């Protein structure tokens, strides 16, 4: 790659907005699949069990490296809130832009999510 092209490529990467949890919460209601309980969510995303746990003990907890986000999501729950699984449409997976996970739903609308899988 030419030095000038490499510079512009690096500048684009640095200046691009980061992918945050706020961005993730913008999922359509039609992606919601099934209401689940906290214990069902923790069973579905049990954390990791390999050698990485030595360096990151919290990764063995539900949702693995995203355990802190899971705890934060649970702390945001209010009476009447629900947890739902979600998945983007099949076409998004075919286009390598699919994602699925758990959504915190309030008054029928997803307000916060944790992505458990994406491609």
PDB file of N, CA and C in Angstrom:
ATOM      1  N   UNK A   1       0.854  -1.173   0.000  1.00  0.00           N
ATOM      2  CA  UNK A   1       0.000   0.000   0.000  1.00  0.00           C
ATOM      3  C   UNK A   1       0.897   1.232   0.000  1.00  0.00           C
ATOM      4  N   UNK A   2       0.561   2.208  -0.787  1.00  0.00           N
ATOM      5  CA  UNK A   2       1.330   3.445  -0.859  1.00  0.00           C
ATOM      6  C   UNK A   2       1.234   4.183   0.466  1.00  0.00           C
ATOM      7  N   UNK A   3       2.264   4.930   0.849  1.00  0.00           N
ATOM      8  CA  UNK A   3       2.245   5.641   2.129  1.00  0.00           C
ATOM      9  C   UNK A   3       1.075   6.613   2.261  1.00  0.00           C
ATOM     10  N   UNK A   4       0.753   7.342   1.196  1.00  0.00           N
ATOM     11  CA  UNK A   4      -0.354   8.301   1.278  1.00  0.00           C
ATOM     12  C   UNK A   4      -1.679   7.551   1.461  1.00  0.00           C
ATOM     13  N   UNK A   5      -1.875   6.471   0.705  1.00  0.00           N
ATOM     14  CA  UNK A   5      -3.102   5.685   0.841  1.00  0.00           C
ATOM     15  C   UNK A   5      -3.192   5.087   2.238  1.00  0.00           C
ATOM     16  N   UNK A   6      -2.069   4.608   2.753  1.00  0.00           N
ATOM     17  CA  UNK A   6      -2.057   4.046   4.105  1.00  0.00           C
ATOM     18  C   UNK A   6      -2.430   5.106   5.134  1.00  0.00           C
ATOM     19  N   UNK A   7      -1.937   6.330   4.953  1.00  0.00           N
ATOM     20  CA  UNK A   7      -2.265   7.420   5.870  1.00  0.00           C
ATOM     21  C   UNK A   7      -3.768   7.693   5.881  1.00  0.00           C
ATOM     22  N   UNK A   8      -4.375   7.779   4.680  1.00  0.00           N
ATOM     23  CA  UNK A   8      -5.810   8.050   4.609  1.00  0.00           C
ATOM     24  C   UNK A   8      -6.626   6.902   5.188  1.00  0.00           C
ATOM     25  N   UNK A   9      -6.196   5.672   4.946  1.00  0.00           N
ATOM     26  CA  UNK A   9      -6.881   4.514   5.506  1.00  0.00           C
ATOM     27  C   UNK A   9      -6.832   4.574   7.035  1.00  0.00           C
ATOM     28  N   UNK A  10      -5.686   4.873   7.593  1.00  0.00           N
ATOM     29  CA  UNK A  10      -5.535   4.981   9.044  1.00  0.00           C
ATOM     30  C   UNK A  10      -6.390   6.132   9.576  1.00  0.00           C
ATOM     31  N   UNK A  11      -6.410   7.254   8.875  1.00  0.00           N
ATOM     32  CA  UNK A  11      -7.220   8.398   9.311  1.00  0.00           C
ATOM     33  C   UNK A  11      -8.701   8.036   9.343  1.00  0.00           C
ATOM     34  N   UNK A  12      -9.154   7.280   8.359  1.00  0.00           N
ATOM     35  CA  UNK A  12     -10.556   6.863   8.331  1.00  0.00           C
ATOM     36  C   UNK A  12     -10.855   5.976   9.534  1.00  0.00           C
ATOM     37  N   UNK A  13      -9.963   5.035   9.825  1.00  0.00           N
ATOM     38  CA  UNK A  13     -10.188   4.152  10.969  1.00  0.00           C
ATOM     39  C   UNK A  13     -10.227   4.921  12.277  1.00  0.00           C
ATOM     40  N   UNK A  14      -9.350   5.889  12.430  1.00  0.00           N
ATOM     41  CA  UNK A  14      -9.287   6.663  13.665  1.00  0.00           C
ATOM     42  C   UNK A  14     -10.503   7.567  13.813  1.00  0.00           C
ATOM     43  N   UNK A  15     -10.978   8.135  12.720  1.00  0.00           N
ATOM     44  CA  UNK A  15     -12.068   9.089  12.784  1.00  0.00           C
ATOM     45  C   UNK A  15     -13.454   8.449  12.750  1.00  0.00           C
ATOM     46  N   UNK A  16     -13.523   7.155  12.424  1.00  0.00           N
ATOM     47  CA  UNK A  16     -14.828   6.487  12.380  1.00  0.00           C
ATOM     48  C   UNK A  16     -15.420   6.426  13.775  1.00  0.00           C
ATOM     49  N   UNK A  17     -16.737   6.576  13.883  1.00  0.00           N
ATOM     50  CA  UNK A  17     -17.357   6.446  15.209  1.00  0.00           C
ATOM     51  C   UNK A  17     -17.220   5.015  15.712  1.00  0.00           C
ATOM     52  N   UNK A  18     -17.077   4.880  17.007  1.00  0.00           N
ATOM     53  CA  UNK A  18     -16.961   3.551  17.584  1.00  0.00           C
ATOM     54  C   UNK A  18     -18.337   2.918  17.718  1.00  0.00           C
ATOM     55  N   UNK A  19     -18.339   1.625  17.825  1.00  0.00           N
ATOM     56  CA  UNK A  19     -19.577   0.865  17.958  1.00  0.00           C
ATOM     57  C   UNK A  19     -19.864   0.723  19.440  1.00  0.00           C
ATOM     58  N   UNK A  20     -20.891   1.394  19.919  1.00  0.00           N
ATOM     59  CA  UNK A  20     -21.183   1.411  21.349  1.00  0.00           C
ATOM     60  C   UNK A  20     -22.487   0.706  21.650  1.00  0.00           C
ATOM     61  N   UNK A  21     -22.729   0.490  22.933  1.00  0.00           N
ATOM     62  CA  UNK A  21     -23.961  -0.144  23.342  1.00  0.00           C
ATOM     63  C   UNK A  21     -25.161   0.702  22.931  1.00  0.00           C
ATOM     64  N   UNK A  22     -25.024   1.994  22.938  1.00  0.00           N
ATOM     65  CA  UNK A  22     -26.125   2.856  22.512  1.00  0.00           C
ATOM     66  C   UNK A  22     -26.479   2.571  21.055  1.00  0.00           C
ATOM     67  N   UNK A  23     -25.452   2.342  20.211  1.00  0.00           N
ATOM     68  CA  UNK A  23     -25.716   2.003  18.814  1.00  0.00           C
ATOM     69  C   UNK A  23     -26.451   0.670  18.721  1.00  0.00           C
ATOM     70  N   UNK A  24     -26.043  -0.292  19.543  1.00  0.00           N
ATOM     71  CA  UNK A  24     -26.626  -1.621  19.502  1.00  0.00           C
ATOM     72  C   UNK A  24     -28.098  -1.609  19.890  1.00  0.00           C
ATOM     73  N   UNK A  25     -28.505  -0.669  20.728  1.00  0.00           N
ATOM     74  CA  UNK A  25     -29.888  -0.687  21.199  1.00  0.00           C
ATOM     75  C   UNK A  25     -30.875  -0.292  20.113  1.00  0.00           C
ATOM     76  N   UNK A  26     -30.381   0.149  19.006  1.00  0.00           N
ATOM     77  CA  UNK A  26     -31.252   0.575  17.916  1.00  0.00           C
ATOM     78  C   UNK A  26     -31.632  -0.625  17.055  1.00  0.00           C
ATOM     79  N   UNK A  27     -32.354  -1.559  17.665  1.00  0.00           N
ATOM     80  CA  UNK A  27     -32.833  -2.696  16.882  1.00  0.00           C
ATOM     81  C   UNK A  27     -34.336  -2.564  16.709  1.00  0.00           C
ATOM     82  N   UNK A  28     -34.848  -3.009  15.581  1.00  0.00           N
ATOM     83  CA  UNK A  28     -36.292  -2.947  15.361  1.00  0.00           C
ATOM     84  C   UNK A  28     -37.034  -3.960  16.241  1.00  0.00           C
ATOM     85  N   UNK A  29     -38.259  -3.643  16.577  1.00  0.00           N
ATOM     86  CA  UNK A  29     -39.071  -4.542  17.394  1.00  0.00           C
ATOM     87  C   UNK A  29     -39.272  -5.890  16.715  1.00  0.00           C
ATOM     88  N   UNK A  30     -39.277  -5.910  15.381  1.00  0.00           N
ATOM     89  CA  UNK A  30     -39.533  -7.182  14.700  1.00  0.00           C
ATOM     90  C   UNK A  30     -38.352  -8.154  14.781  1.00  0.00           C
ATOM     91  N   UNK A  31     -37.222  -7.729  15.345  1.00  0.00           N
ATOM     92  CA  UNK A  31     -36.116  -8.649  15.586  1.00  0.00           C
ATOM     93  C   UNK A  31     -36.336  -9.465  16.858  1.00  0.00           C
ATOM     94  N   UNK A  32     -37.230  -9.027  17.730  1.00  0.00           N
ATOM     95  CA  UNK A  32     -37.469  -9.733  18.986  1.00  0.00           C
ATOM     96  C   UNK A  32     -38.059 -11.098  18.686  1.00  0.00           C
ATOM     97  N   UNK A  33     -37.565 -12.121  19.412  1.00  0.00           N
ATOM     98  CA  UNK A  33     -38.005 -13.476  19.135  1.00  0.00           C
ATOM     99  C   UNK A  33     -38.781 -14.114  20.275  1.00  0.00           C
ATOM    100  N   UNK A  34     -38.195 -14.127  21.469  1.00  0.00           N
ATOM    101  CA  UNK A  34     -38.800 -14.882  22.567  1.00  0.00           C
ATOM    102  C   UNK A  34     -38.478 -14.213  23.893  1.00  0.00           C
ATOM    103  N   UNK A  35     -39.492 -14.053  24.730  1.00  0.00           N
ATOM    104  CA  UNK A  35     -39.255 -13.517  26.070  1.00  0.00           C
ATOM    105  C   UNK A  35     -38.577 -14.591  26.912  1.00  0.00           C
ATOM    106  N   UNK A  36     -37.571 -14.170  27.693  1.00  0.00           N
ATOM    107  CA  UNK A  36     -36.841 -15.115  28.541  1.00  0.00           C
ATOM    108  C   UNK A  36     -36.621 -14.494  29.915  1.00  0.00           C
ATOM    109  N   UNK A  37     -36.210 -15.331  30.848  1.00  0.00           N
ATOM    110  CA  UNK A  37     -35.899 -14.872  32.197  1.00  0.00           C
ATOM    111  C   UNK A  37     -34.403 -14.576  32.308  1.00  0.00           C
ATOM    112  N   UNK A  38     -34.017 -13.955  33.409  1.00  0.00           N
ATOM    113  CA  UNK A  38     -32.598 -13.701  33.661  1.00  0.00           C
ATOM    114  C   UNK A  38     -31.834 -15.015  33.692  1.00  0.00           C
ATOM    115  N   UNK A  39     -32.366 -16.003  34.387  1.00  0.00           N
ATOM    116  CA  UNK A  39     -31.646 -17.281  34.484  1.00  0.00           C
ATOM    117  C   UNK A  39     -31.535 -17.968  33.123  1.00  0.00           C
ATOM    118  N   UNK A  40     -32.560 -17.844  32.279  1.00  0.00           N
ATOM    119  CA  UNK A  40     -32.470 -18.419  30.929  1.00  0.00           C
ATOM    120  C   UNK A  40     -31.406 -17.704  30.105  1.00  0.00           C
ATOM    121  N   UNK A  41     -31.306 -16.391  30.237  1.00  0.00           N
ATOM    122  CA  UNK A  41     -30.279 -15.637  29.514  1.00  0.00           C
ATOM    123  C   UNK A  41     -28.889 -16.053  29.978  1.00  0.00           C
ATOM    124  N   UNK A  42     -28.724 -16.207  31.275  1.00  0.00           N
ATOM    125  CA  UNK A  42     -27.413 -16.592  31.810  1.00  0.00           C
ATOM    126  C   UNK A  42     -27.043 -18.020  31.419  1.00  0.00           C
ATOM    127  N   UNK A  43     -28.039 -18.868  31.258  1.00  0.00           N
ATOM    128  CA  UNK A  43     -27.782 -20.231  30.781  1.00  0.00           C
ATOM    129  C   UNK A  43     -27.393 -20.217  29.306  1.00  0.00           C
ATOM    130  N   UNK A  44     -28.036 -19.358  28.525  1.00  0.00           N
ATOM    131  CA  UNK A  44     -27.742 -19.271  27.095  1.00  0.00           C
ATOM    132  C   UNK A  44     -26.356 -18.693  26.823  1.00  0.00           C
ATOM    133  N   UNK A  45     -25.871 -17.832  27.731  1.00  0.00           N
ATOM    134  CA  UNK A  45     -24.562 -17.188  27.574  1.00  0.00           C
ATOM    135  C   UNK A  45     -23.743 -17.427  28.843  1.00  0.00           C
ATOM    136  N   UNK A  46     -23.218 -18.664  29.010  1.00  0.00           N
ATOM    137  CA  UNK A  46     -22.592 -19.049  30.277  1.00  0.00           C
ATOM    138  C   UNK A  46     -21.191 -18.495  30.527  1.00  0.00           C
ATOM    139  N   UNK A  47     -20.588 -17.826  29.592  1.00  0.00           N
ATOM    140  CA  UNK A  47     -19.206 -17.365  29.775  1.00  0.00           C
ATOM    141  C   UNK A  47     -18.235 -18.359  29.172  1.00  0.00           C
ATOM    142  N   UNK A  48     -16.958 -18.071  29.333  1.00  0.00           N
ATOM    143  CA  UNK A  48     -15.945 -18.932  28.721  1.00  0.00           C
ATOM    144  C   UNK A  48     -15.331 -19.860  29.771  1.00  0.00           C
ATOM    145  N   UNK A  49     -14.739 -20.933  29.298  1.00  0.00           N
ATOM    146  CA  UNK A  49     -14.140 -21.912  30.207  1.00  0.00           C
ATOM    147  C   UNK A  49     -12.710 -22.261  29.819  1.00  0.00           C
ATOM    148  N   UNK A  50     -12.128 -21.512  28.902  1.00  0.00           N
ATOM    149  CA  UNK A  50     -10.777 -21.853  28.457  1.00  0.00           C
ATOM    150  C   UNK A  50      -9.723 -21.084  29.265  1.00  0.00           C
ATOM    151  N   UNK A  51      -8.483 -21.136  28.821  1.00  0.00           N
ATOM    152  CA  UNK A  51      -7.356 -20.554  29.551  1.00  0.00           C
ATOM    153  C   UNK A  51      -7.432 -19.038  29.717  1.00  0.00           C
ATOM    154  N   UNK A  52      -8.234 -18.357  28.925  1.00  0.00           N
ATOM    155  CA  UNK A  52      -8.346 -16.905  29.055  1.00  0.00           C
ATOM    156  C   UNK A  52      -8.894 -16.492  30.420  1.00  0.00           C
ATOM    157  N   UNK A  53      -9.552 -17.413  31.106  1.00  0.00           N
ATOM    158  CA  UNK A  53     -10.118 -17.131  32.424  1.00  0.00           C
ATOM    159  C   UNK A  53      -9.019 -16.810  33.435  1.00  0.00           C
ATOM    160  N   UNK A  54      -7.821 -17.346  33.218  1.00  0.00           N
ATOM    161  CA  UNK A  54      -6.704 -17.055  34.130  1.00  0.00           C
ATOM    162  C   UNK A  54      -6.421 -15.557  34.187  1.00  0.00           C
ATOM    163  N   UNK A  55      -6.480 -14.903  33.041  1.00  0.00           N
ATOM    164  CA  UNK A  55      -6.207 -13.467  32.974  1.00  0.00           C
ATOM    165  C   UNK A  55      -7.451 -12.613  33.207  1.00  0.00           C
ATOM    166  N   UNK A  56      -8.619 -13.185  32.957  1.00  0.00           N
ATOM    167  CA  UNK A  56      -9.880 -12.439  33.086  1.00  0.00           C
ATOM    168  C   UNK A  56     -10.916 -13.314  33.797  1.00  0.00           C
ATOM    169  N   UNK A  57     -10.837 -13.405  35.124  1.00  0.00           N
ATOM    170  CA  UNK A  57     -11.748 -14.298  35.851  1.00  0.00           C
ATOM    171  C   UNK A  57     -13.227 -14.002  35.615  1.00  0.00           C
ATOM    172  N   UNK A  58     -13.592 -12.738  35.405  1.00  0.00           N
ATOM    173  CA  UNK A  58     -14.999 -12.410  35.165  1.00  0.00           C
ATOM    174  C   UNK A  58     -15.521 -13.007  33.862  1.00  0.00           C
ATOM    175  N   UNK A  59     -14.617 -13.376  32.957  1.00  0.00           N
ATOM    176  CA  UNK A  59     -15.043 -13.952  31.681  1.00  0.00           C
ATOM    177  C   UNK A  59     -15.705 -15.314  31.863  1.00  0.00           C
ATOM    178  N   UNK A  60     -15.507 -15.940  33.016  1.00  0.00           N
ATOM    179  CA  UNK A  60     -16.159 -17.220  33.296  1.00  0.00           C
ATOM    180  C   UNK A  60     -17.601 -17.022  33.763  1.00  0.00           C
ATOM    181  N   UNK A  61     -17.972 -15.784  34.018  1.00  0.00           N
ATOM    182  CA  UNK A  61     -19.333 -15.471  34.457  1.00  0.00           C
ATOM    183  C   UNK A  61     -20.232 -15.305  33.231  1.00  0.00           C
ATOM    184  N   UNK A  62     -21.562 -15.280  33.446  1.00  0.00           N
ATOM    185  CA  UNK A  62     -22.471 -15.138  32.297  1.00  0.00           C
ATOM    186  C   UNK A  62     -22.108 -13.959  31.387  1.00  0.00           C
ATOM    187  N   UNK A  63     -22.185 -14.199  30.112  1.00  0.00           N
ATOM    188  CA  UNK A  63     -21.868 -13.254  29.045  1.00  0.00           C
ATOM    189  C   UNK A  63     -20.372 -13.008  28.877  1.00  0.00           C
ATOM    190  N   UNK A  64     -19.553 -13.789  29.546  1.00  0.00           N
ATOM    191  CA  UNK A  64     -18.118 -13.759  29.318  1.00  0.00           C
ATOM    192  C   UNK A  64     -17.503 -12.387  29.456  1.00  0.00           C
ATOM    193  N   UNK A  65     -16.798 -11.958  28.424  1.00  0.00           N
ATOM    194  CA  UNK A  65     -16.108 -10.669  28.465  1.00  0.00           C
ATOM    195  C   UNK A  65     -17.073  -9.487  28.512  1.00  0.00           C
ATOM    196  N   UNK A  66     -18.335  -9.748  28.285  1.00  0.00           N
ATOM    197  CA  UNK A  66     -19.346  -8.685  28.361  1.00  0.00           C
ATOM    198  C   UNK A  66     -20.153  -8.782  29.664  1.00  0.00           C
ATOM    199  N   UNK A  67     -19.590  -9.465  30.651  1.00  0.00           N
ATOM    200  CA  UNK A  67     -20.291  -9.661  31.922  1.00  0.00           C
ATOM    201  C   UNK A  67     -20.654  -8.333  32.592  1.00  0.00           C
ATOM    202  N   UNK A  68     -19.753  -7.378  32.578  1.00  0.00           N
ATOM    203  CA  UNK A  68     -20.045  -6.075  33.197  1.00  0.00           C
ATOM    204  C   UNK A  68     -21.230  -5.404  32.504  1.00  0.00           C
ATOM    205  N   UNK A  69     -21.321  -5.532  31.177  1.00  0.00           N
ATOM    206  CA  UNK A  69     -22.463  -4.968  30.446  1.00  0.00           C
ATOM    207  C   UNK A  69     -23.752  -5.676  30.837  1.00  0.00           C
ATOM    208  N   UNK A  70     -23.675  -6.988  31.042  1.00  0.00           N
ATOM    209  CA  UNK A  70     -24.843  -7.754  31.468  1.00  0.00           C
ATOM    210  C   UNK A  70     -25.310  -7.279  32.845  1.00  0.00           C
ATOM    211  N   UNK A  71     -24.383  -7.113  33.762  1.00  0.00           N
ATOM    212  CA  UNK A  71     -24.742  -6.644  35.100  1.00  0.00           C
ATOM    213  C   UNK A  71     -25.357  -5.241  35.027  1.00  0.00           C
ATOM    214  N   UNK A  72     -24.813  -4.399  34.171  1.00  0.00           N
ATOM    215  CA  UNK A  72     -25.364  -3.048  34.011  1.00  0.00           C
ATOM    216  C   UNK A  72     -26.781  -3.117  33.440  1.00  0.00           C
ATOM    217  N   UNK A  73     -26.986  -3.958  32.424  1.00  0.00           N
ATOM    218  CA  UNK A  73     -28.315  -4.097  31.837  1.00  0.00           C
ATOM    219  C   UNK A  73     -29.307  -4.547  32.902  1.00  0.00           C
ATOM    220  N   UNK A  74     -28.929  -5.529  33.705  1.00  0.00           N
ATOM    221  CA  UNK A  74     -29.837  -6.009  34.758  1.00  0.00           C
ATOM    222  C   UNK A  74     -30.147  -4.897  35.757  1.00  0.00           C
ATOM    223  N   UNK A  75     -29.153  -4.065  36.056  1.00  0.00           N
ATOM    224  CA  UNK A  75     -29.382  -2.983  37.018  1.00  0.00           C
ATOM    225  C   UNK A  75     -30.319  -1.907  36.464  1.00  0.00           C
ATOM    226  N   UNK A  76     -30.452  -1.846  35.142  1.00  0.00           N
ATOM    227  CA  UNK A  76     -31.336  -0.864  34.510  1.00  0.00           C
ATOM    228  C   UNK A  76     -32.792  -1.337  34.443  1.00  0.00           C
ATOM    229  N   UNK A  77     -33.016  -2.605  34.788  1.00  0.00           N
ATOM    230  CA  UNK A  77     -34.369  -3.154  34.693  1.00  0.00           C
ATOM    231  C   UNK A  77     -35.290  -2.501  35.713  1.00  0.00           C
ATOM    232  N   UNK A  78     -36.491  -2.204  35.263  1.00  0.00           N
ATOM    233  CA  UNK A  78     -37.530  -1.624  36.103  1.00  0.00           C
ATOM    234  C   UNK A  78     -38.726  -2.574  36.109  1.00  0.00           C
ATOM    235  N   UNK A  79     -39.614  -2.425  37.106  1.00  0.00           N
ATOM    236  CA  UNK A  79     -40.803  -3.283  37.118  1.00  0.00           C
ATOM    237  C   UNK A  79     -41.539  -3.204  35.777  1.00  0.00           C
ATOM    238  N   UNK A  80     -41.904  -4.363  35.273  1.00  0.00           N
ATOM    239  CA  UNK A  80     -42.598  -4.432  33.985  1.00  0.00           C
ATOM    240  C   UNK A  80     -41.676  -4.641  32.802  1.00  0.00           C
ATOM    241  N   UNK A  81     -40.365  -4.417  32.966  1.00  0.00           N
ATOM    242  CA  UNK A  81     -39.419  -4.661  31.880  1.00  0.00           C
ATOM    243  C   UNK A  81     -39.336  -6.154  31.592  1.00  0.00           C
ATOM    244  N   UNK A  82     -38.917  -6.467  30.382  1.00  0.00           N
ATOM    245  CA  UNK A  82     -38.785  -7.860  29.954  1.00  0.00           C
ATOM    246  C   UNK A  82     -37.445  -8.048  29.258  1.00  0.00           C
ATOM    247  N   UNK A  83     -36.973  -9.280  29.270  1.00  0.00           N
ATOM    248  CA  UNK A  83     -35.807  -9.674  28.486  1.00  0.00           C
ATOM    249  C   UNK A  83     -36.305 -10.518  27.320  1.00  0.00           C
ATOM    250  N   UNK A  84     -35.777 -10.234  26.140  1.00  0.00           N
ATOM    251  CA  UNK A  84     -36.127 -10.980  24.937  1.00  0.00           C
ATOM    252  C   UNK A  84     -34.856 -11.367  24.198  1.00  0.00           C
ATOM    253  N   UNK A  85     -34.887 -12.525  23.551  1.00  0.00           N
ATOM    254  CA  UNK A  85     -33.841 -12.836  22.591  1.00  0.00           C
ATOM    255  C   UNK A  85     -34.152 -12.062  21.326  1.00  0.00           C
ATOM    256  N   UNK A  86     -33.123 -11.758  20.553  1.00  0.00           N
ATOM    257  CA  UNK A  86     -33.349 -11.102  19.260  1.00  0.00           C
ATOM    258  C   UNK A  86     -32.396 -11.665  18.229  1.00  0.00           C
ATOM    259  N   UNK A  87     -32.787 -11.530  16.980  1.00  0.00           N
ATOM    260  CA  UNK A  87     -31.931 -11.922  15.862  1.00  0.00           C
ATOM    261  C   UNK A  87     -32.288 -11.066  14.663  1.00  0.00           C
ATOM    262  N   UNK A  88     -31.262 -10.578  13.990  1.00  0.00           N
ATOM    263  CA  UNK A  88     -31.496  -9.815  12.763  1.00  0.00           C
ATOM    264  C   UNK A  88     -31.959 -10.773  11.664  1.00  0.00           C
ATOM    265  N   UNK A  89     -32.544 -10.246  10.598  1.00  0.00           N
ATOM    266  CA  UNK A  89     -33.079 -11.095   9.530  1.00  0.00           C
ATOM    267  C   UNK A  89     -32.003 -11.934   8.840  1.00  0.00           C
ATOM    268  N   UNK A  90     -32.439 -13.027   8.241  1.00  0.00           N
ATOM    269  CA  UNK A  90     -31.539 -13.950   7.546  1.00  0.00           C
ATOM    270  C   UNK A  90     -30.661 -13.231   6.526  1.00  0.00           C
ATOM    271  N   UNK A  91     -31.217 -12.284   5.824  1.00  0.00           N
ATOM    272  CA  UNK A  91     -30.451 -11.550   4.798  1.00  0.00           C
ATOM    273  C   UNK A  91     -29.245 -10.853   5.413  1.00  0.00           C
ATOM    274  N   UNK A  92     -29.387 -10.337   6.640  1.00  0.00           N
ATOM    275  CA  UNK A  92     -28.249  -9.666   7.279  1.00  0.00           C
ATOM    276  C   UNK A  92     -27.123 -10.658   7.560  1.00  0.00           C
ATOM    277  N   UNK A  93     -27.461 -11.897   7.883  1.00  0.00           N
ATOM    278  CA  UNK A  93     -26.438 -12.920   8.111  1.00  0.00           C
ATOM    279  C   UNK A  93     -25.761 -13.293   6.798  1.00  0.00           C
ATOM    280  N   UNK A  94     -26.547 -13.379   5.738  1.00  0.00           N
ATOM    281  CA  UNK A  94     -25.982 -13.676   4.421  1.00  0.00           C
ATOM    282  C   UNK A  94     -25.036 -12.566   3.971  1.00  0.00           C
ATOM    283  N   UNK A  95     -25.336 -11.337   4.366  1.00  0.00           N
ATOM    284  CA  UNK A  95     -24.505 -10.186   4.007  1.00  0.00           C
ATOM    285  C   UNK A  95     -23.391  -9.927   5.019  1.00  0.00           C
ATOM    286  N   UNK A  96     -23.185 -10.877   5.943  1.00  0.00           N
ATOM    287  CA  UNK A  96     -22.151 -10.776   6.988  1.00  0.00           C
ATOM    288  C   UNK A  96     -22.358  -9.556   7.884  1.00  0.00           C
ATOM    289  N   UNK A  97     -23.625  -9.252   8.160  1.00  0.00           N
ATOM    290  CA  UNK A  97     -23.961  -8.130   9.035  1.00  0.00           C
ATOM    291  C   UNK A  97     -24.993  -8.543  10.082  1.00  0.00           C
ATOM    292  N   UNK A  98     -25.104  -9.839  10.321  1.00  0.00           N
ATOM    293  CA  UNK A  98     -26.096 -10.338  11.260  1.00  0.00           C
ATOM    294  C   UNK A  98     -25.663 -10.183  12.704  1.00  0.00           C
ATOM    295  N   UNK A  99     -26.653 -10.146  13.599  1.00  0.00           N
ATOM    296  CA  UNK A  99     -26.361 -10.137  15.024  1.00  0.00           C
ATOM    297  C   UNK A  99     -27.555 -10.676  15.786  1.00  0.00           C
ATOM    298  N   UNK A 100     -27.237 -11.206  16.958  1.00  0.00           N
ATOM    299  CA  UNK A 100     -28.268 -11.732  17.837  1.00  0.00           C
ATOM    300  C   UNK A 100     -27.812 -11.545  19.270  1.00  0.00           C
ATOM    301  N   UNK A 101     -28.752 -11.658  20.195  1.00  0.00           N
ATOM    302  CA  UNK A 101     -28.398 -11.496  21.593  1.00  0.00           C
ATOM    303  C   UNK A 101     -29.624 -11.343  22.462  1.00  0.00           C
ATOM    304  N   UNK A 102     -29.480 -10.533  23.505  1.00  0.00           N
ATOM    305  CA  UNK A 102     -30.528 -10.308  24.491  1.00  0.00           C
ATOM    306  C   UNK A 102     -30.882  -8.826  24.503  1.00  0.00           C
ATOM    307  N   UNK A 103     -32.174  -8.544  24.531  1.00  0.00           N
ATOM    308  CA  UNK A 103     -32.657  -7.162  24.552  1.00  0.00           C
ATOM    309  C   UNK A 103     -33.446  -6.910  25.826  1.00  0.00           C
ATOM    310  N   UNK A 104     -33.235  -5.749  26.409  1.00  0.00           N
ATOM    311  CA  UNK A 104     -34.072  -5.250  27.494  1.00  0.00           C
ATOM    312  C   UNK A 104     -35.202  -4.482  26.836  1.00  0.00           C
ATOM    313  N   UNK A 105     -36.436  -4.914  27.102  1.00  0.00           N
ATOM    314  CA  UNK A 105     -37.607  -4.333  26.452  1.00  0.00           C
ATOM    315  C   UNK A 105     -38.455  -3.629  27.500  1.00  0.00           C
ATOM    316  N   UNK A 106     -38.778  -2.376  27.212  1.00  0.00           N
ATOM    317  CA  UNK A 106     -39.626  -1.572  28.103  1.00  0.00           C
ATOM    318  C   UNK A 106     -40.789  -1.019  27.280  1.00  0.00           C
ATOM    319  N   UNK A 107     -41.995  -1.242  27.769  1.00  0.00           N
ATOM    320  CA  UNK A 107     -43.198  -0.782  27.065  1.00  0.00           C
ATOM    321  C   UNK A 107     -43.224  -1.265  25.617  1.00  0.00           C
ATOM    322  N   UNK A 108     -42.763  -2.495  25.399  1.00  0.00           N
ATOM    323  CA  UNK A 108     -42.810  -3.097  24.076  1.00  0.00           C
ATOM    324  C   UNK A 108     -41.692  -2.714  23.127  1.00  0.00           C
ATOM    325  N   UNK A 109     -40.758  -1.871  23.577  1.00  0.00           N
ATOM    326  CA  UNK A 109     -39.679  -1.419  22.693  1.00  0.00           C
ATOM    327  C   UNK A 109     -38.315  -1.795  23.276  1.00  0.00           C
ATOM    328  N   UNK A 110     -37.402  -2.301  22.447  1.00  0.00           N
ATOM    329  CA  UNK A 110     -36.055  -2.582  22.925  1.00  0.00           C
ATOM    330  C   UNK A 110     -35.333  -1.277  23.275  1.00  0.00           C
ATOM    331  N   UNK A 111     -34.782  -1.218  24.485  1.00  0.00           N
ATOM    332  CA  UNK A 111     -34.091   0.008  24.900  1.00  0.00           C
ATOM    333  C   UNK A 111     -32.602  -0.206  25.115  1.00  0.00           C
ATOM    334  N   UNK A 112     -32.189  -1.461  25.263  1.00  0.00           N
ATOM    335  CA  UNK A 112     -30.780  -1.765  25.484  1.00  0.00           C
ATOM    336  C   UNK A 112     -30.562  -3.215  25.095  1.00  0.00           C
ATOM    337  N   UNK A 113     -29.422  -3.509  24.485  1.00  0.00           N
ATOM    338  CA  UNK A 113     -29.145  -4.882  24.087  1.00  0.00           C
ATOM    339  C   UNK A 113     -27.720  -5.255  24.422  1.00  0.00           C
ATOM    340  N   UNK A 114     -27.517  -6.563  24.470  1.00  0.00           N
ATOM    341  CA  UNK A 114     -26.176  -7.128  24.503  1.00  0.00           C
ATOM    342  C   UNK A 114     -26.105  -8.081  23.317  1.00  0.00           C
ATOM    343  N   UNK A 115     -25.183  -7.813  22.414  1.00  0.00           N
ATOM    344  CA  UNK A 115     -25.006  -8.673  21.251  1.00  0.00           C
ATOM    345  C   UNK A 115     -24.183  -9.872  21.692  1.00  0.00           C
ATOM    346  N   UNK A 116     -24.731 -11.055  21.451  1.00  0.00           N
ATOM    347  CA  UNK A 116     -24.042 -12.282  21.811  1.00  0.00           C
ATOM    348  C   UNK A 116     -23.346 -12.922  20.629  1.00  0.00           C
ATOM    349  N   UNK A 117     -23.806 -12.625  19.428  1.00  0.00           N
ATOM    350  CA  UNK A 117     -23.186 -13.169  18.213  1.00  0.00           C
ATOM    351  C   UNK A 117     -23.371 -12.169  17.082  1.00  0.00           C
ATOM    352  N   UNK A 118     -22.328 -12.054  16.280  1.00  0.00           N
ATOM    353  CA  UNK A 118     -22.418 -11.242  15.071  1.00  0.00           C
ATOM    354  C   UNK A 118     -21.451 -11.786  14.047  1.00  0.00           C
ATOM    355  N   UNK A 119     -21.741 -11.500  12.783  1.00  0.00           N
ATOM    356  CA  UNK A 119     -20.816 -11.940  11.735  1.00  0.00           C
ATOM    357  C   UNK A 119     -20.506 -10.809  10.800  1.00  0.00           C
TER     358      UNK A 119
END
